[in-house]
C-alpha atoms as a PDB file:
ATOM      1  CA  UNK A   1      11.025  20.081   8.913  1.00  0.00           C
ATOM      2  CA  UNK A   2      12.391  23.415   9.672  1.00  0.00           C
ATOM      3  CA  UNK A   3      13.744  24.129   6.147  1.00  0.00           C
ATOM      4  CA  UNK A   4      10.830  23.192   3.818  1.00  0.00           C
ATOM      5  CA  UNK A   5      12.618  24.613   0.620  1.00  0.00           C
ATOM      6  CA  UNK A   6      15.688  22.313   1.170  1.00  0.00           C
ATOM      7  CA  UNK A   7      13.413  19.290   2.030  1.00  0.00           C
ATOM      8  CA  UNK A   8      11.528  19.818  -1.142  1.00  0.00           C
ATOM      9  CA  UNK A   9      14.739  20.005  -3.206  1.00  0.00           C
ATOM     10  CA  UNK A  10      16.038  16.747  -1.704  1.00  0.00           C
ATOM     11  CA  UNK A  11      12.787  14.985  -2.170  1.00  0.00           C
ATOM     12  CA  UNK A  12      12.413  16.173  -5.693  1.00  0.00           C
ATOM     13  CA  UNK A  13      15.979  14.920  -6.346  1.00  0.00           C
ATOM     14  CA  UNK A  14      15.167  11.542  -4.837  1.00  0.00           C
ATOM     15  CA  UNK A  15      11.995  11.358  -7.037  1.00  0.00           C
ATOM     16  CA  UNK A  16      14.046  12.220 -10.031  1.00  0.00           C
ATOM     17  CA  UNK A  17      16.271   9.238  -9.402  1.00  0.00           C
ATOM     18  CA  UNK A  18      13.070   6.962  -9.411  1.00  0.00           C
ATOM     19  CA  UNK A  19      12.418   6.779  -5.630  1.00  0.00           C
ATOM     20  CA  UNK A  20       8.636   6.799  -4.867  1.00  0.00           C
ATOM     21  CA  UNK A  21       7.577   8.533  -1.741  1.00  0.00           C
ATOM     22  CA  UNK A  22       4.510   7.647   0.559  1.00  0.00           C
ATOM     23  CA  UNK A  23       2.694   9.482   3.306  1.00  0.00           C
ATOM     24  CA  UNK A  24       2.367   7.021   6.161  1.00  0.00           C
ATOM     25  CA  UNK A  25      -0.626   7.020   8.540  1.00  0.00           C
ATOM     26  CA  UNK A  26      -2.344   9.581   6.390  1.00  0.00           C
ATOM     27  CA  UNK A  27      -5.030  11.417   8.357  1.00  0.00           C
ATOM     28  CA  UNK A  28      -3.249  11.344  11.630  1.00  0.00           C
ATOM     29  CA  UNK A  29      -0.714  13.711  13.449  1.00  0.00           C
ATOM     30  CA  UNK A  30       1.610  15.446  10.959  1.00  0.00           C
ATOM     31  CA  UNK A  31       0.293  14.252   7.757  1.00  0.00           C
ATOM     32  CA  UNK A  32      -1.374  17.017   6.202  1.00  0.00           C
ATOM     33  CA  UNK A  33      -2.972  18.135   2.924  1.00  0.00           C
ATOM     34  CA  UNK A  34      -0.452  20.673   2.277  1.00  0.00           C
ATOM     35  CA  UNK A  35       2.168  17.802   1.993  1.00  0.00           C
ATOM     36  CA  UNK A  36       0.399  16.583  -1.138  1.00  0.00           C
ATOM     37  CA  UNK A  37       1.044  19.992  -2.877  1.00  0.00           C
ATOM     38  CA  UNK A  38       4.508  20.519  -1.512  1.00  0.00           C
ATOM     39  CA  UNK A  39       6.234  17.025  -1.855  1.00  0.00           C
ATOM     40  CA  UNK A  40       6.499  14.575  -4.791  1.00  0.00           C
ATOM     41  CA  UNK A  41       4.191  11.971  -3.282  1.00  0.00           C
ATOM     42  CA  UNK A  42       3.235   8.874  -5.188  1.00  0.00           C
ATOM     43  CA  UNK A  43       1.229   7.020  -2.446  1.00  0.00           C
ATOM     44  CA  UNK A  44      -1.012   7.660   0.560  1.00  0.00           C
ATOM     45  CA  UNK A  45      -1.235   5.046   3.262  1.00  0.00           C
ATOM     46  CA  UNK A  46      -4.537   5.356   5.208  1.00  0.00           C
ATOM     47  CA  UNK A  47      -4.091   4.923   8.859  1.00  0.00           C
ATOM     48  CA  UNK A  48      -5.420   1.686  10.254  1.00  0.00           C
ATOM     49  CA  UNK A  49      -7.425   3.669  12.891  1.00  0.00           C
ATOM     50  CA  UNK A  50      -9.848   4.747   9.984  1.00  0.00           C
ATOM     51  CA  UNK A  51      -9.863   1.390   8.241  1.00  0.00           C
ATOM     52  CA  UNK A  52     -10.664  -0.479  11.538  1.00  0.00           C
ATOM     53  CA  UNK A  53     -14.329   0.449  11.672  1.00  0.00           C
ATOM     54  CA  UNK A  54     -14.904   1.332   7.857  1.00  0.00           C
ATOM     55  CA  UNK A  55     -17.582  -1.469   7.507  1.00  0.00           C
ATOM     56  CA  UNK A  56     -19.605  -0.224  10.593  1.00  0.00           C
ATOM     57  CA  UNK A  57     -19.069   3.429  11.192  1.00  0.00           C
ATOM     58  CA  UNK A  58     -20.428   5.811   8.668  1.00  0.00           C
ATOM     59  CA  UNK A  59     -17.912   8.480   9.483  1.00  0.00           C
ATOM     60  CA  UNK A  60     -14.827   6.350   9.089  1.00  0.00           C
ATOM     61  CA  UNK A  61     -16.506   4.996   5.854  1.00  0.00           C
ATOM     62  CA  UNK A  62     -16.875   8.512   4.645  1.00  0.00           C
ATOM     63  CA  UNK A  63     -13.298   9.514   5.465  1.00  0.00           C
ATOM     64  CA  UNK A  64     -11.875   6.451   3.797  1.00  0.00           C
ATOM     65  CA  UNK A  65     -13.915   6.843   0.719  1.00  0.00           C
ATOM     66  CA  UNK A  66     -13.020  10.494   0.486  1.00  0.00           C
ATOM     67  CA  UNK A  67      -9.291   9.933   0.884  1.00  0.00           C
ATOM     68  CA  UNK A  68      -9.325   7.286  -1.806  1.00  0.00           C
ATOM     69  CA  UNK A  69     -11.283   9.507  -4.182  1.00  0.00           C
ATOM     70  CA  UNK A  70      -9.049  12.497  -3.607  1.00  0.00           C
ATOM     71  CA  UNK A  71      -5.787  10.351  -3.984  1.00  0.00           C
ATOM     72  CA  UNK A  72      -6.964   8.964  -7.179  1.00  0.00           C
ATOM     73  CA  UNK A  73      -8.000  12.478  -8.517  1.00  0.00           C
ATOM     74  CA  UNK A  74      -4.443  13.402  -7.668  1.00  0.00           C
ATOM     75  CA  UNK A  75      -2.987  10.346  -9.530  1.00  0.00           C
ATOM     76  CA  UNK A  76      -1.881   8.858  -6.201  1.00  0.00           C
ATOM     77  CA  UNK A  77      -1.855   5.207  -5.166  1.00  0.00           C
ATOM     78  CA  UNK A  78      -3.718   4.229  -2.017  1.00  0.00           C
ATOM     79  CA  UNK A  79      -2.749   1.632   0.513  1.00  0.00           C
ATOM     80  CA  UNK A  80      -5.176   0.769   3.397  1.00  0.00           C
ATOM     81  CA  UNK A  81      -3.412  -0.232   6.478  1.00  0.00           C
ATOM     82  CA  UNK A  82      -4.695  -2.690   9.128  1.00  0.00           C
ATOM     83  CA  UNK A  83      -7.095  -4.718   6.933  1.00  0.00           C
ATOM     84  CA  UNK A  84      -8.278  -7.542   9.166  1.00  0.00           C
ATOM     85  CA  UNK A  85     -11.677  -8.670   7.995  1.00  0.00           C
ATOM     86  CA  UNK A  86     -13.468  -9.592   4.815  1.00  0.00           C
ATOM     87  CA  UNK A  87     -15.871  -6.714   5.396  1.00  0.00           C
ATOM     88  CA  UNK A  88     -13.217  -4.149   5.457  1.00  0.00           C
ATOM     89  CA  UNK A  89     -11.743  -5.727   2.218  1.00  0.00           C
ATOM     90  CA  UNK A  90     -15.274  -5.580   0.675  1.00  0.00           C
ATOM     91  CA  UNK A  91     -15.637  -1.945   1.343  1.00  0.00           C
ATOM     92  CA  UNK A  92     -12.139  -1.005   0.120  1.00  0.00           C
ATOM     93  CA  UNK A  93     -12.788  -2.950  -3.211  1.00  0.00           C
ATOM     94  CA  UNK A  94     -16.083  -1.132  -3.692  1.00  0.00           C
ATOM     95  CA  UNK A  95     -13.992   2.106  -3.424  1.00  0.00           C
ATOM     96  CA  UNK A  96     -11.260   1.068  -5.845  1.00  0.00           C
ATOM     97  CA  UNK A  97      -8.433   0.937  -3.503  1.00  0.00           C
ATOM     98  CA  UNK A  98      -4.919   0.063  -4.958  1.00  0.00           C
ATOM     99  CA  UNK A  99      -3.254  -1.974  -2.217  1.00  0.00           C
ATOM    100  CA  UNK A 100      -3.888  -3.346   1.144  1.00  0.00           C
ATOM    101  CA  UNK A 101      -1.802  -4.550   4.137  1.00  0.00           C
ATOM    102  CA  UNK A 102      -2.922  -6.303   7.375  1.00  0.00           C
ATOM    103  CA  UNK A 103      -3.551  -9.497   9.134  1.00  0.00           C
ATOM    104  CA  UNK A 104      -6.278 -10.552   6.796  1.00  0.00           C
ATOM    105  CA  UNK A 105      -3.391 -11.447   4.343  1.00  0.00           C
ATOM    106  CA  UNK A 106      -0.820 -12.721   6.916  1.00  0.00           C
ATOM    107  CA  UNK A 107       1.557 -11.665   9.507  1.00  0.00           C
ATOM    108  CA  UNK A 108       4.239  -8.922   8.730  1.00  0.00           C
ATOM    109  CA  UNK A 109       7.167 -10.736   7.025  1.00  0.00           C
ATOM    110  CA  UNK A 110      10.588  -9.867   5.508  1.00  0.00           C
ATOM    111  CA  UNK A 111      10.977  -9.683   1.690  1.00  0.00           C
ATOM    112  CA  UNK A 112      13.329 -12.621   1.807  1.00  0.00           C
ATOM    113  CA  UNK A 113      10.624 -14.659   3.621  1.00  0.00           C
ATOM    114  CA  UNK A 114       8.030 -13.535   1.184  1.00  0.00           C
ATOM    115  CA  UNK A 115      10.169 -14.598  -1.809  1.00  0.00           C
ATOM    116  CA  UNK A 116      10.714 -18.057  -0.082  1.00  0.00           C
ATOM    117  CA  UNK A 117       6.966 -18.461   0.615  1.00  0.00           C
ATOM    118  CA  UNK A 118       6.058 -17.553  -3.009  1.00  0.00           C
ATOM    119  CA  UNK A 119       8.654 -19.838  -4.511  1.00  0.00           C
ATOM    120  CA  UNK A 120       7.389 -22.674  -2.467  1.00  0.00           C
ATOM    121  CA  UNK A 121       3.699 -21.985  -3.274  1.00  0.00           C
ATOM    122  CA  UNK A 122       4.460 -21.540  -6.900  1.00  0.00           C
ATOM    123  CA  UNK A 123       6.520 -24.808  -7.182  1.00  0.00           C
ATOM    124  CA  UNK A 124       3.750 -26.591  -5.404  1.00  0.00           C
ATOM    125  CA  UNK A 125       1.167 -25.250  -7.678  1.00  0.00           C
ATOM    126  CA  UNK A 126       3.091 -25.948 -10.723  1.00  0.00           C
ATOM    127  CA  UNK A 127       3.997 -29.524  -9.650  1.00  0.00           C
ATOM    128  CA  UNK A 128       0.140 -30.282  -9.256  1.00  0.00           C
ATOM    129  CA  UNK A 129      -0.688 -28.575 -12.521  1.00  0.00           C
ATOM    130  CA  UNK A 130      -2.878 -26.058 -10.693  1.00  0.00           C
ATOM    131  CA  UNK A 131      -1.916 -22.427  -9.855  1.00  0.00           C
ATOM    132  CA  UNK A 132      -4.393 -20.876  -7.455  1.00  0.00           C
ATOM    133  CA  UNK A 133      -5.292 -17.263  -7.714  1.00  0.00           C
ATOM    134  CA  UNK A 134      -3.663 -16.893  -4.373  1.00  0.00           C
ATOM    135  CA  UNK A 135      -0.394 -18.145  -5.711  1.00  0.00           C
ATOM    136  CA  UNK A 136      -0.636 -15.836  -8.759  1.00  0.00           C
ATOM    137  CA  UNK A 137      -1.284 -12.865  -6.740  1.00  0.00           C
ATOM    138  CA  UNK A 138       1.612 -13.425  -4.179  1.00  0.00           C
ATOM    139  CA  UNK A 139       4.020 -14.338  -7.166  1.00  0.00           C
ATOM    140  CA  UNK A 140       2.924 -10.956  -8.895  1.00  0.00           C
ATOM    141  CA  UNK A 141       3.496  -9.029  -5.718  1.00  0.00           C
ATOM    142  CA  UNK A 142       7.100 -10.535  -5.406  1.00  0.00           C
ATOM    143  CA  UNK A 143       7.860  -9.694  -8.965  1.00  0.00           C
ATOM    144  CA  UNK A 144       6.760  -6.128  -8.382  1.00  0.00           C
ATOM    145  CA  UNK A 145       8.949  -5.863  -5.218  1.00  0.00           C
ATOM    146  CA  UNK A 146      12.042  -7.194  -7.148  1.00  0.00           C
ATOM    147  CA  UNK A 147      11.417  -4.844 -10.026  1.00  0.00           C
ATOM    148  CA  UNK A 148      11.247  -1.819  -7.747  1.00  0.00           C
ATOM    149  CA  UNK A 149      14.387  -3.088  -5.883  1.00  0.00           C
ATOM    150  CA  UNK A 150      12.617  -3.770  -2.629  1.00  0.00           C
ATOM    151  CA  UNK A 151      13.598  -7.379  -2.647  1.00  0.00           C
ATOM    152  CA  UNK A 152      16.377  -9.520  -4.068  1.00  0.00           C
ATOM    153  CA  UNK A 153      15.270 -12.125  -6.392  1.00  0.00           C
ATOM    154  CA  UNK A 154      18.220 -14.335  -5.504  1.00  0.00           C
END
């Protein structure tokens, strides 16, 4: 970003239109603390390299806990990338994360496939008179995607 002022103006305009911006892979490469002051960021995505050993490595645990705390103090949402174990999820829950993504919850999928899956699960749950917490969470996630315009609700 050679022209920071121009970039800030463009990002501010996009933010004013309702577009929410995230810093991906926070803590690595070019993601820096100064970006939190300069740009209208709403979400930090913690890089999976920190999440990977969060349950067993004290340094990674400290880094992740600090990022979550800092982000919340700045009124930002936090996404933990690469969650693959219950131990990682337990740590993140203990530190009040906002969102997670990773193979613990399923393989990467398209928004349309997620809508299809959610619809099938919800229909099956309603048909049996039981609606599992899993189905409720997935249905809620799909509704949020649709509300944000990230998926079509067909």
